[in-house]
Protein backbone atom coordinates (compact mmCIF):
# COMPACT_ATOMS: atom_id res chain seq x y z
CA MET A 1 7.42 114.25 13.31
CA ALA A 2 10.40 116.04 11.96
CA GLY A 3 13.58 114.92 13.71
CA ARG A 4 16.28 117.06 14.04
CA GLY A 5 18.55 115.89 11.16
CA LYS A 6 22.24 116.16 11.05
CA THR A 7 23.35 119.68 12.46
CA ILE A 8 26.78 119.72 11.73
CA GLY A 9 29.10 122.79 13.52
CA SER A 10 26.19 123.14 16.31
CA GLY A 11 27.74 121.74 19.44
CA ALA A 12 30.81 120.78 21.33
CA ALA A 13 31.94 117.70 20.53
CA LYS A 14 31.17 114.93 22.42
CA LYS A 15 33.90 114.20 25.30
CA ALA A 16 35.18 109.94 25.00
CA THR A 17 34.49 108.27 28.30
CA SER A 18 36.41 105.22 29.05
CA ARG A 19 35.02 102.04 30.39
CA SER A 20 35.93 102.08 33.76
CA SER A 21 34.77 104.96 34.08
CA LYS A 22 31.11 104.35 32.61
CA ALA A 23 31.36 101.34 35.54
CA GLY A 24 32.79 103.90 38.20
CA LEU A 25 36.08 101.76 38.39
CA GLN A 26 39.69 102.46 38.76
CA PHE A 27 40.98 99.34 37.18
CA PRO A 28 40.86 99.41 33.29
CA VAL A 29 38.44 97.37 31.27
CA GLY A 30 40.01 98.02 28.11
CA ARG A 31 43.10 96.79 28.55
CA ILE A 32 41.72 93.40 30.17
CA ALA A 33 38.86 93.50 27.30
CA ARG A 34 42.50 93.31 25.32
CA PHE A 35 44.23 91.02 27.11
CA LEU A 36 41.11 88.14 27.50
CA LYS A 37 40.89 88.62 23.47
CA ALA A 38 44.61 88.07 22.86
CA GLY A 39 44.71 85.93 25.32
CA LYS A 40 42.74 82.88 23.47
CA TYR A 41 40.51 81.76 27.30
CA ALA A 42 37.52 81.86 24.00
CA GLU A 43 36.89 82.52 20.88
CA ARG A 44 34.46 85.20 21.51
CA VAL A 45 34.62 87.42 24.87
CA GLY A 46 31.32 88.88 25.31
CA ALA A 47 30.99 93.01 26.65
CA GLY A 48 30.14 92.20 30.26
CA ALA A 49 33.08 89.98 31.31
CA PRO A 50 36.19 92.48 30.76
CA VAL A 51 34.40 95.03 32.80
CA TYR A 52 33.01 92.05 35.35
CA LEU A 53 36.54 91.08 36.13
CA ALA A 54 38.35 94.06 36.58
CA ALA A 55 35.32 94.92 39.52
CA VAL A 56 36.09 91.84 41.17
CA LEU A 57 40.26 91.96 40.30
CA GLU A 58 39.45 95.41 41.62
CA TYR A 59 37.83 94.39 45.02
CA LEU A 60 40.44 92.35 45.97
CA ALA A 61 43.12 94.95 45.29
CA ALA A 62 41.29 96.22 47.53
CA GLU A 63 40.53 93.35 50.58
């Protein structure tokens, strides 16, 4: 049950993937999350809330 260990320098560095592209959205999930946290709408904001809100806003903009 030997693992790979820490291989330094092998393989290319993984490219960062935005939450918008993970959810298949065009609207910026990270920016909406930042606005929700800074706007004092709630003490804590869940991880799925900005994704859901971005999807709803994108749907309404497309209509």
